Amino acid sequence: MLDQRSYPRPAKGTTTWQDWKFQRAVLVGLIDLHPVQLTVSELIREVAVDPEDFGTRDGIERAVLDLEGMGLLHRHDFLNREDSIVVPTRAALHVYALLEDDEPKVPEWAAGEPQLRR
């Protein structure tokens, strides 16, 4: 049971796997540029190799909607324009900081290594 994921990884080459790649690119791109606020169009130009490719644009737009639904992005729509501003949520920023490769600074009160299972 411990070696089973509650949310399994998709198999390579599937459409779900492609969606994960877009979601990762969007989330990491927004977090790397944070606190800069980007519109979806600016995000597409920033992340995509070929911003004019329909499949790429569509994948990034779907990733924004999916990440917003998961609570990892805020999307702000405006009445006077069709583009939205997207920013990562505090939860996304926190999890990204936790998963960085850099060793976190341990507070003085935390003596010794925590006993964690990998």
Protein backbone atom coordinates (compact mmCIF):
# COMPACT_ATOMS: atom_id res chain seq x y z
CA MET A 1 0.00 0.00 0.00
CA LEU A 2 2.85 2.42 0.74
CA ASP A 3 4.37 1.94 -2.71
CA GLN A 4 1.07 2.78 -4.44
CA ARG A 5 0.31 6.39 -5.27
CA SER A 6 -3.13 7.72 -4.53
CA TYR A 7 -2.80 9.69 -7.77
CA PRO A 8 -0.87 7.47 -10.23
CA ARG A 9 1.56 8.92 -12.72
CA PRO A 10 0.39 8.71 -16.31
CA ALA A 11 2.23 6.52 -18.80
CA LYS A 12 4.64 8.31 -21.13
CA GLY A 13 3.20 9.28 -24.47
CA THR A 14 -0.41 9.50 -23.28
CA THR A 15 -2.43 12.70 -23.43
CA THR A 16 -2.48 12.80 -19.62
CA TRP A 17 1.31 12.67 -19.59
CA GLN A 18 1.42 15.58 -22.10
CA ASP A 19 -0.98 17.54 -19.86
CA TRP A 20 1.36 16.95 -16.90
CA LYS A 21 4.29 18.32 -18.93
CA PHE A 22 2.32 21.47 -19.75
CA GLN A 23 1.18 21.86 -16.13
CA ARG A 24 4.76 21.52 -14.87
CA ALA A 25 6.07 24.04 -17.42
CA VAL A 26 3.34 26.55 -16.55
CA LEU A 27 3.70 26.20 -12.79
CA VAL A 28 7.50 26.31 -12.75
CA GLY A 29 7.51 29.20 -15.22
CA LEU A 30 5.13 31.25 -13.09
CA ILE A 31 6.96 30.46 -9.85
CA ASP A 32 10.35 31.32 -11.36
CA LEU A 33 9.02 34.71 -12.48
CA HIS A 34 7.09 35.40 -9.27
CA PRO A 35 6.19 38.15 -8.16
CA VAL A 36 5.80 39.25 -11.79
CA GLN A 37 2.20 38.90 -12.92
CA LEU A 38 1.71 37.56 -16.44
CA THR A 39 -1.28 37.36 -18.69
CA VAL A 40 -1.99 33.98 -20.28
CA SER A 41 -0.72 35.34 -23.63
CA GLU A 42 2.53 36.50 -22.02
CA LEU A 43 2.86 33.13 -20.29
CA ILE A 44 2.47 31.34 -23.62
CA ARG A 45 5.21 33.50 -25.16
CA GLU A 46 7.43 32.88 -22.12
CA VAL A 47 6.99 29.08 -21.88
CA ALA A 48 6.37 27.90 -25.45
CA VAL A 49 9.12 27.14 -27.96
CA ASP A 50 6.68 28.02 -30.76
CA PRO A 51 3.96 30.32 -29.34
CA GLU A 52 2.05 30.27 -32.64
CA ASP A 53 1.53 26.48 -32.56
CA PHE A 54 -2.12 25.74 -31.74
CA GLY A 55 -1.36 22.55 -29.80
CA THR A 56 1.12 24.36 -27.57
CA ARG A 57 -1.19 27.32 -26.94
CA ASP A 58 -4.10 24.98 -26.20
CA GLY A 59 -1.99 22.83 -23.86
CA ILE A 60 -0.85 25.86 -21.87
CA GLU A 61 -4.38 27.28 -21.65
CA ARG A 62 -5.67 23.87 -20.45
CA ALA A 63 -2.83 23.69 -17.92
CA VAL A 64 -3.81 27.09 -16.53
CA LEU A 65 -7.42 25.96 -16.11
CA ASP A 66 -6.37 22.63 -14.55
CA LEU A 67 -3.92 24.24 -12.11
CA GLU A 68 -6.52 26.83 -11.15
CA GLY A 69 -8.98 24.01 -10.46
CA MET A 70 -6.40 22.29 -8.26
CA GLY A 71 -5.86 25.45 -6.24
CA LEU A 72 -2.30 26.07 -7.46
CA LEU A 73 -2.99 29.19 -9.57
CA HIS A 74 -5.13 32.27 -9.27
CA ARG A 75 -6.61 33.50 -12.55
CA HIS A 76 -7.96 37.04 -12.61
CA ASP A 77 -10.38 37.84 -15.44
CA PHE A 78 -11.21 41.35 -16.56
CA LEU A 79 -14.41 42.72 -18.07
CA ASN A 80 -12.66 45.03 -20.53
CA ARG A 81 -10.20 42.50 -22.05
CA GLU A 82 -10.22 38.85 -22.97
CA ASP A 83 -6.86 37.92 -21.41
CA SER A 84 -6.45 36.87 -17.77
CA ILE A 85 -3.64 37.46 -15.29
CA VAL A 86 -2.30 34.29 -13.65
CA VAL A 87 -0.23 34.03 -10.47
CA PRO A 88 0.78 31.04 -8.33
CA THR A 89 -1.02 30.58 -5.01
CA ARG A 90 0.78 30.70 -1.69
CA ALA A 91 0.35 26.92 -1.45
CA ALA A 92 2.12 26.41 -4.80
CA LEU A 93 4.98 28.70 -3.77
CA HIS A 94 5.34 26.90 -0.44
CA VAL A 95 5.38 23.40 -1.93
CA TYR A 96 7.87 24.50 -4.59
CA ALA A 97 10.16 25.88 -1.86
CA LEU A 98 9.87 22.61 0.07
CA LEU A 99 10.82 20.55 -2.97
CA GLU A 100 13.82 22.63 -4.03
CA ASP A 101 17.15 20.85 -4.07
CA ASP A 102 18.79 23.32 -1.70
CA GLU A 103 19.13 22.21 1.89
CA PRO A 104 16.83 24.25 4.13
CA LYS A 105 18.34 26.10 7.07
CA VAL A 106 17.59 24.18 10.24
CA PRO A 107 16.51 26.30 13.23
CA GLU A 108 18.69 26.09 16.35
CA TRP A 109 15.89 24.45 18.34
CA ALA A 110 15.72 21.52 15.91
CA ALA A 111 18.62 19.35 17.07
CA GLY A 112 19.46 16.31 14.96
CA GLU A 113 17.99 14.95 11.78
CA PRO A 114 14.23 14.40 11.54
CA GLN A 115 13.27 10.77 11.11
CA LEU A 116 11.58 10.73 7.70
CA ARG A 117 10.82 7.81 5.43
CA ARG A 118 11.74 8.27 1.78
